[in-house]
Amino acid sequence: MLKVITDEKTIHKCQKLFTSHIKTWGREKIPVMLGHQGASAKAKVWWSDELGLWFFPGKGEENRYWNAFGTDRPKPDAPLSITCEINFPKEGTDRRIGGAFAADGKGRIFVVHRGKLGGGRKGIGKALFEKQYRGVWIDMEDGAEETSVAVVGLLTSPRFARQLSQFVNKIDKIKDMAAPPSAQMEMSFDDLRLREELLGMRHCELLRDMASECDHGLVIRDLAAALKELRWKFGNDGLRDLMAIDKERRVAAVFQIKTNNLPKSVQEGAMQLLVNSLHFPDPPRLILALPKPLDAAMTAKLRRLHVMTMIYTWRENQAVFPDLDKLLNSHRND
């Protein structure tokens, strides 16, 4: 279980690190009219093309640090609406503020969010967040209470800025869900694509290996980019992390991503691949992506189940898949 950080000096240090992570990616500052609490004011926001994210670290007020984010590239001097805020109390515990810094038993510090969403539209709030947000969830000792929170990312991770961007993009998609349903939102095979809002677990499916699980969505996104570079079509549907589609419009490969090699995680990944691929008329290649190789005995067991393993590594902030082309082409030759 995590424990919320309440010490003023520690929170201040965490806020400075939080800000520096984003500014490192920011390539330009753009003057805008930033909307906040029903009003607009002149501001200069940081924009990152790589993250697809703008960031404004406000001075805050009273007992909070104010951090505003959005996903649309700002137009100079134009009005700019906020996608979400990740604010932190300057000291103590304040459950009215959505964000918090929290530490685990190993002393690692995470950024978490209680699910308080703003936006001024009907249906947007904590209930929508708890129902729709998929990602890493954990229980947190929140002062005198215990709170279930979403983990935005590991503050000291070199990939924290990408983890944060992923969180903001999911919030953007969740807010769209508050709009009345439309037939255009139904997903057909022709519209198969990578759906950010389907990366991760629902609120009831609590995960414990938070540090590695924060990378789960990033690995899927990097795998999608690798498939695109190899000219494969791809998509996900909430059951399968990713699918590769061949030129005959068949599902050629199904991928399940795991961010650790714990026995439970490997077994769960294999089971997901087997169960969620039964209905395909042409059996696809089942590929379990892992951060490091398994021992020979486990690899042999998975092969008997027709589950192949693919090892990914990190090159700076990107997951890379050295054997991806080989695995996909071997499917074509089977």
Protein backbone atom coordinates (compact mmCIF):
# COMPACT_ATOMS: atom_id res chain seq x y z
CA MET A 1 0.00 0.00 0.00
CA LEU A 2 1.14 3.52 -0.72
CA LYS A 3 1.26 6.25 1.89
CA VAL A 4 0.52 9.87 1.01
CA ILE A 5 3.38 12.31 1.52
CA THR A 6 2.44 15.25 3.74
CA ASP A 7 5.78 16.87 4.59
CA GLU A 8 6.05 20.37 3.10
CA LYS A 9 9.75 20.18 2.15
CA THR A 10 9.37 16.76 0.52
CA ILE A 11 6.31 17.87 -1.47
CA HIS A 12 8.17 20.97 -2.65
CA LYS A 13 11.10 18.84 -3.89
CA CYS A 14 8.68 16.48 -5.63
CA GLN A 15 6.88 19.36 -7.34
CA LYS A 16 10.21 20.71 -8.63
CA LEU A 17 11.14 17.27 -10.02
CA PHE A 18 7.62 16.88 -11.48
CA THR A 19 7.99 20.21 -13.28
CA SER A 20 11.52 19.55 -14.51
CA HIS A 21 10.49 16.24 -16.11
CA ILE A 22 7.97 18.03 -18.35
CA LYS A 23 10.13 21.04 -19.14
CA THR A 24 12.89 18.72 -20.32
CA TRP A 25 10.55 17.63 -23.13
CA GLY A 26 9.17 21.12 -23.79
CA ARG A 27 10.64 22.56 -26.97
CA GLU A 28 8.81 25.88 -27.03
CA LYS A 29 6.74 28.25 -24.93
CA ILE A 30 3.54 29.53 -26.53
CA PRO A 31 1.55 32.59 -25.32
CA VAL A 32 -2.16 31.78 -24.89
CA MET A 33 -5.32 32.84 -23.10
CA LEU A 34 -5.59 30.00 -20.60
CA GLY A 35 -9.04 29.08 -19.31
CA HIS A 36 -9.28 28.32 -15.61
CA GLN A 37 -12.29 28.24 -13.28
CA GLY A 38 -14.59 30.07 -15.66
CA ALA A 39 -12.08 32.78 -16.61
CA SER A 40 -9.13 33.28 -18.94
CA ALA A 41 -5.78 34.86 -18.32
CA LYS A 42 -2.59 35.42 -20.30
CA ALA A 43 -0.07 32.63 -19.85
CA LYS A 44 2.83 30.94 -21.59
CA VAL A 45 2.53 27.17 -21.79
CA TRP A 46 5.23 24.61 -22.54
CA TRP A 47 4.54 22.48 -25.62
CA SER A 48 6.15 19.15 -26.58
CA ASP A 49 5.60 17.65 -30.03
CA GLU A 50 7.05 14.34 -28.84
CA LEU A 51 4.60 14.03 -25.97
CA GLY A 52 1.67 15.72 -27.72
CA LEU A 53 1.21 17.67 -24.52
CA TRP A 54 1.19 21.23 -23.26
CA PHE A 55 1.95 22.07 -19.63
CA PHE A 56 1.46 25.13 -17.46
CA PRO A 57 2.96 25.11 -13.97
CA GLY A 58 0.99 27.84 -12.24
CA LYS A 59 2.05 29.48 -9.02
CA GLY A 60 -0.99 27.98 -7.31
CA GLU A 61 -2.92 29.52 -4.52
CA GLU A 62 -3.09 29.05 -0.79
CA ASN A 63 -2.19 25.41 -0.09
CA ARG A 64 -1.72 23.89 -3.53
CA TYR A 65 0.58 23.64 -6.54
CA TRP A 66 -1.41 24.06 -9.74
CA ASN A 67 -0.38 22.03 -12.84
CA ALA A 68 -2.55 22.30 -15.96
CA PHE A 69 -2.32 20.09 -19.05
CA GLY A 70 -3.85 19.72 -22.49
CA THR A 71 -3.43 17.65 -25.65
CA ASP A 72 -4.14 20.14 -28.47
CA ARG A 73 -1.26 22.13 -29.89
CA PRO A 74 -1.84 25.71 -28.68
CA LYS A 75 -2.40 28.50 -31.18
CA PRO A 76 -0.50 31.66 -30.23
CA ASP A 77 -2.60 34.18 -28.27
CA ALA A 78 -5.75 32.07 -28.73
CA PRO A 79 -8.04 30.72 -25.97
CA LEU A 80 -6.86 27.38 -24.60
CA SER A 81 -8.99 25.00 -22.56
CA ILE A 82 -7.56 22.66 -19.94
CA THR A 83 -7.83 18.88 -20.38
CA CYS A 84 -6.94 18.09 -16.79
CA GLU A 85 -5.13 19.35 -13.73
CA ILE A 86 -2.78 17.43 -11.47
CA ASN A 87 -2.56 19.60 -8.39
CA PHE A 88 -0.81 18.89 -5.11
CA PRO A 89 -1.32 20.27 -1.60
CA LYS A 90 1.74 22.19 -0.42
CA GLU A 91 1.59 20.33 2.88
CA GLY A 92 -0.61 17.93 4.78
CA THR A 93 -3.50 15.91 3.36
CA ASP A 94 -6.24 17.59 1.33
CA ARG A 95 -8.63 15.15 -0.34
CA ARG A 96 -10.33 18.02 -2.17
CA ILE A 97 -7.21 18.19 -4.35
CA GLY A 98 -6.97 15.45 -6.98
CA GLY A 99 -3.23 14.86 -7.09
CA ALA A 100 -0.80 13.65 -4.46
CA PHE A 101 2.70 12.31 -4.04
CA ALA A 102 2.86 8.93 -2.33
CA ALA A 103 5.63 6.55 -1.27
CA ASP A 104 5.73 2.77 -1.19
CA GLY A 105 7.53 0.54 1.30
CA LYS A 106 10.77 0.83 -0.70
CA GLY A 107 10.74 4.62 -0.52
CA ARG A 108 9.87 5.06 -4.20
CA ILE A 109 7.71 8.11 -4.87
CA PHE A 110 4.71 7.96 -7.20
CA VAL A 111 2.35 10.58 -8.57
CA VAL A 112 -1.24 9.51 -7.95
CA HIS A 113 -4.68 10.93 -8.71
CA ARG A 114 -7.91 10.60 -6.74
CA GLY A 115 -10.10 10.95 -9.83
CA LYS A 116 -11.47 14.44 -9.32
CA LEU A 117 -12.22 15.72 -12.83
CA GLY A 118 -13.27 19.22 -13.76
CA GLY A 119 -14.55 20.62 -17.01
CA GLY A 120 -17.93 22.13 -16.23
CA ARG A 121 -19.93 19.62 -18.28
CA LYS A 122 -22.63 17.38 -16.90
CA GLY A 123 -21.47 13.85 -16.20
CA ILE A 124 -17.79 14.72 -15.80
CA GLY A 125 -16.49 13.95 -12.34
CA LYS A 126 -15.07 11.29 -10.06
CA ALA A 127 -17.82 8.77 -10.83
CA LEU A 128 -16.98 8.86 -14.54
CA PHE A 129 -13.27 8.50 -13.76
CA GLU A 130 -13.76 5.47 -11.50
CA LYS A 131 -16.00 3.80 -14.06
CA GLN A 132 -13.92 4.41 -17.17
CA TYR A 133 -10.26 4.90 -16.24
CA ARG A 134 -8.04 1.95 -17.10
CA GLY A 135 -4.52 1.90 -15.75
CA VAL A 136 -2.67 1.16 -12.51
CA TRP A 137 -4.81 1.32 -9.38
CA ILE A 138 -3.69 0.93 -5.77
CA ASP A 139 -4.93 1.54 -2.24
CA MET A 140 -3.28 4.49 -0.48
CA GLU A 141 -3.07 5.39 3.18
CA ASP A 142 -4.58 8.85 2.82
CA GLY A 143 -4.22 10.44 6.24
CA ALA A 144 -6.84 8.88 8.48
CA GLU A 145 -8.54 7.17 5.54
CA GLU A 146 -7.76 4.58 2.90
CA THR A 147 -8.30 5.73 -0.68
CA SER A 148 -8.17 3.89 -3.98
CA VAL A 149 -6.12 6.01 -6.39
CA ALA A 150 -4.86 5.85 -9.96
CA VAL A 151 -1.08 5.80 -10.30
CA VAL A 152 0.07 8.35 -12.89
CA GLY A 153 3.68 7.23 -12.83
CA LEU A 154 6.91 6.69 -10.95
CA LEU A 155 8.35 10.16 -10.32
CA THR A 156 11.98 9.06 -10.63
CA SER A 157 11.48 6.99 -13.79
CA PRO A 158 13.25 8.23 -16.94
CA ARG A 159 9.91 7.57 -18.66
CA PHE A 160 7.82 9.61 -16.23
CA ALA A 161 6.98 12.34 -18.77
CA ARG A 162 5.60 9.71 -21.16
CA GLN A 163 3.64 8.08 -18.32
CA LEU A 164 2.14 11.47 -17.49
CA SER A 165 1.29 12.18 -21.12
CA GLN A 166 -0.46 8.81 -21.32
CA PHE A 167 -2.54 9.70 -18.24
CA VAL A 168 -3.59 13.09 -19.67
CA ASN A 169 -4.56 11.53 -23.00
CA LYS A 170 -6.71 8.96 -21.22
CA ILE A 171 -8.47 11.74 -19.31
CA ASP A 172 -9.14 13.47 -22.63
CA LYS A 173 -10.77 10.29 -23.98
CA ILE A 174 -12.75 9.76 -20.77
CA LYS A 175 -14.22 13.25 -20.97
CA ASP A 176 -15.39 12.49 -24.50
CA MET A 177 -17.32 9.55 -23.04
CA ALA A 178 -19.51 11.99 -21.11
CA ALA A 179 -21.04 13.10 -24.42
CA PRO A 180 -24.25 11.39 -25.64
CA PRO A 181 -23.49 8.08 -27.41
CA SER A 182 -23.18 8.24 -31.17
CA ALA A 183 -23.26 5.56 -33.83
CA GLN A 184 -19.91 6.93 -34.97
CA MET A 185 -18.39 5.74 -31.70
CA GLU A 186 -19.16 2.13 -32.48
CA MET A 187 -16.02 0.30 -33.53
CA SER A 188 -15.99 -1.91 -36.59
CA PHE A 189 -13.22 -4.03 -38.06
CA ASP A 190 -12.58 -1.26 -40.58
CA ASP A 191 -11.94 1.15 -37.69
CA LEU A 192 -9.45 -1.10 -35.91
CA ARG A 193 -6.87 1.15 -34.24
CA LEU A 194 -4.96 1.75 -31.06
CA ARG A 195 -7.42 3.02 -28.44
CA GLU A 196 -5.65 4.85 -25.64
CA GLU A 197 -8.61 4.59 -23.29
CA LEU A 198 -8.40 0.78 -23.36
CA LEU A 199 -4.80 0.55 -22.12
CA GLY A 200 -4.66 -0.83 -18.58
CA MET A 201 -7.03 -2.30 -16.04
CA ARG A 202 -10.33 -1.08 -14.66
CA HIS A 203 -10.79 0.24 -11.15
CA CYS A 204 -11.76 -3.13 -9.69
CA GLU A 205 -8.67 -4.88 -11.06
CA LEU A 206 -6.01 -3.67 -8.64
CA LEU A 207 -2.37 -4.10 -9.59
CA ARG A 208 0.52 -4.24 -7.18
CA ASP A 209 3.73 -4.03 -9.23
CA MET A 210 3.21 -0.32 -9.79
CA ALA A 211 6.65 0.77 -10.95
CA SER A 212 6.72 -1.62 -13.92
CA GLU A 213 2.98 -1.48 -14.61
CA CYS A 214 3.26 2.27 -15.23
CA ASP A 215 5.16 1.31 -18.41
CA HIS A 216 2.48 -1.06 -19.72
CA GLY A 217 0.70 1.41 -21.97
CA LEU A 218 3.98 2.87 -23.18
CA VAL A 219 5.16 -0.55 -24.39
CA ILE A 220 1.90 -1.05 -26.28
CA ARG A 221 2.21 2.35 -27.94
CA ASP A 222 5.83 1.66 -28.93
CA LEU A 223 4.86 -1.75 -30.29
CA ALA A 224 2.10 -0.13 -32.35
CA ALA A 225 4.66 2.33 -33.74
CA ALA A 226 7.01 -0.55 -34.59
CA LEU A 227 4.21 -2.40 -36.42
CA LYS A 228 3.39 0.75 -38.37
CA GLU A 229 7.02 1.11 -39.40
CA LEU A 230 6.92 -2.48 -40.69
CA ARG A 231 3.70 -1.60 -42.57
CA TRP A 232 1.36 -3.79 -40.60
CA LYS A 233 -2.13 -2.69 -39.65
CA PHE A 234 -2.89 -3.00 -35.95
CA GLY A 235 -5.50 -2.39 -33.27
CA ASN A 236 -6.70 -3.33 -29.80
CA ASP A 237 -10.12 -4.01 -28.35
CA GLY A 238 -9.87 -4.15 -24.57
CA LEU A 239 -9.30 -7.91 -24.43
CA ARG A 240 -6.10 -8.10 -26.44
CA ASP A 241 -3.26 -5.65 -25.89
CA LEU A 242 -2.57 -5.45 -29.62
CA MET A 243 -3.31 -7.32 -32.84
CA ALA A 244 -1.37 -7.30 -36.12
CA ILE A 245 -3.53 -7.46 -39.26
CA ASP A 246 -2.13 -8.86 -42.53
CA LYS A 247 -2.88 -7.80 -46.11
CA GLU A 248 -5.70 -10.34 -46.30
CA ARG A 249 -7.34 -8.52 -43.33
CA ARG A 250 -6.78 -11.47 -41.03
CA VAL A 251 -5.51 -11.26 -37.47
CA ALA A 252 -2.01 -12.60 -38.00
CA ALA A 253 -0.67 -12.10 -34.48
CA VAL A 254 -2.02 -11.30 -31.04
CA PHE A 255 0.26 -9.65 -28.49
CA GLN A 256 0.02 -9.61 -24.72
CA ILE A 257 2.41 -7.27 -22.91
CA LYS A 258 3.87 -7.96 -19.49
CA THR A 259 6.19 -5.57 -17.72
CA ASN A 260 7.76 -8.12 -15.38
CA ASN A 261 8.69 -11.81 -15.47
CA LEU A 262 7.01 -12.88 -12.24
CA PRO A 263 5.53 -16.39 -12.63
CA LYS A 264 2.00 -15.12 -12.00
CA SER A 265 2.41 -12.44 -14.65
CA VAL A 266 3.76 -14.86 -17.27
CA GLN A 267 1.03 -17.41 -16.59
CA GLU A 268 -1.64 -14.71 -16.75
CA GLY A 269 -0.28 -13.46 -20.08
CA ALA A 270 -0.31 -16.94 -21.60
CA MET A 271 -3.85 -17.57 -20.38
CA GLN A 272 -5.06 -14.26 -21.83
CA LEU A 273 -3.56 -15.09 -25.20
CA LEU A 274 -5.09 -18.56 -25.29
CA VAL A 275 -8.58 -17.63 -24.10
CA ASN A 276 -8.95 -14.41 -26.07
CA SER A 277 -7.82 -15.94 -29.37
CA LEU A 278 -10.11 -18.97 -29.53
CA HIS A 279 -12.73 -17.48 -31.84
CA PHE A 280 -10.44 -16.51 -34.72
CA PRO A 281 -11.11 -18.72 -37.79
CA ASP A 282 -7.40 -18.77 -38.68
CA PRO A 283 -5.24 -19.32 -35.59
CA PRO A 284 -3.01 -16.26 -35.15
CA ARG A 285 0.50 -16.30 -33.75
CA LEU A 286 0.31 -15.82 -29.97
CA ILE A 287 3.12 -13.57 -28.77
CA LEU A 288 3.89 -12.81 -25.14
CA ALA A 289 6.12 -9.71 -24.88
CA LEU A 290 8.41 -9.66 -21.83
CA PRO A 291 11.21 -7.39 -20.54
CA LYS A 292 13.73 -10.24 -20.23
CA PRO A 293 14.11 -13.88 -21.35
CA LEU A 294 12.49 -16.75 -19.49
CA ASP A 295 14.36 -19.86 -18.47
CA ALA A 296 14.47 -22.73 -20.96
CA ALA A 297 11.90 -24.85 -19.10
CA MET A 298 9.21 -22.12 -19.07
CA THR A 299 9.94 -21.21 -22.69
CA ALA A 300 9.44 -24.86 -23.68
CA LYS A 301 6.14 -25.03 -21.79
CA LEU A 302 4.85 -21.96 -23.58
CA ARG A 303 5.93 -23.34 -26.95
CA ARG A 304 3.84 -26.46 -26.32
CA LEU A 305 0.90 -24.08 -25.90
CA HIS A 306 1.89 -22.36 -29.16
CA VAL A 307 2.76 -19.19 -27.25
CA MET A 308 5.91 -17.46 -28.49
CA THR A 309 7.91 -15.02 -26.39
CA MET A 310 9.29 -11.71 -27.62
CA ILE A 311 11.78 -9.75 -25.54
CA TYR A 312 11.72 -5.96 -25.59
CA THR A 313 14.39 -3.61 -24.28
CA TRP A 314 14.52 0.09 -23.49
CA ARG A 315 16.47 2.48 -25.68
CA GLU A 316 16.36 5.71 -23.69
CA ASN A 317 12.59 6.27 -23.30
CA GLN A 318 11.42 3.92 -26.06
CA ALA A 319 10.68 0.21 -25.97
CA VAL A 320 12.30 -1.61 -28.90
CA PHE A 321 11.50 -5.08 -30.27
CA PRO A 322 14.52 -6.65 -32.01
CA ASP A 323 12.72 -9.87 -33.00
CA LEU A 324 9.40 -8.40 -34.11
CA ASP A 325 9.97 -8.58 -37.88
CA LYS A 326 11.31 -12.13 -37.61
CA LEU A 327 8.30 -13.32 -35.59
CA LEU A 328 5.79 -11.75 -37.96
CA ASN A 329 7.51 -13.05 -41.10
CA SER A 330 7.76 -16.53 -39.61
CA HIS A 331 3.98 -16.44 -39.30
CA ARG A 332 3.67 -15.64 -42.98
CA ASN A 333 5.87 -18.62 -43.82
CA ASP A 334 4.12 -21.11 -41.49
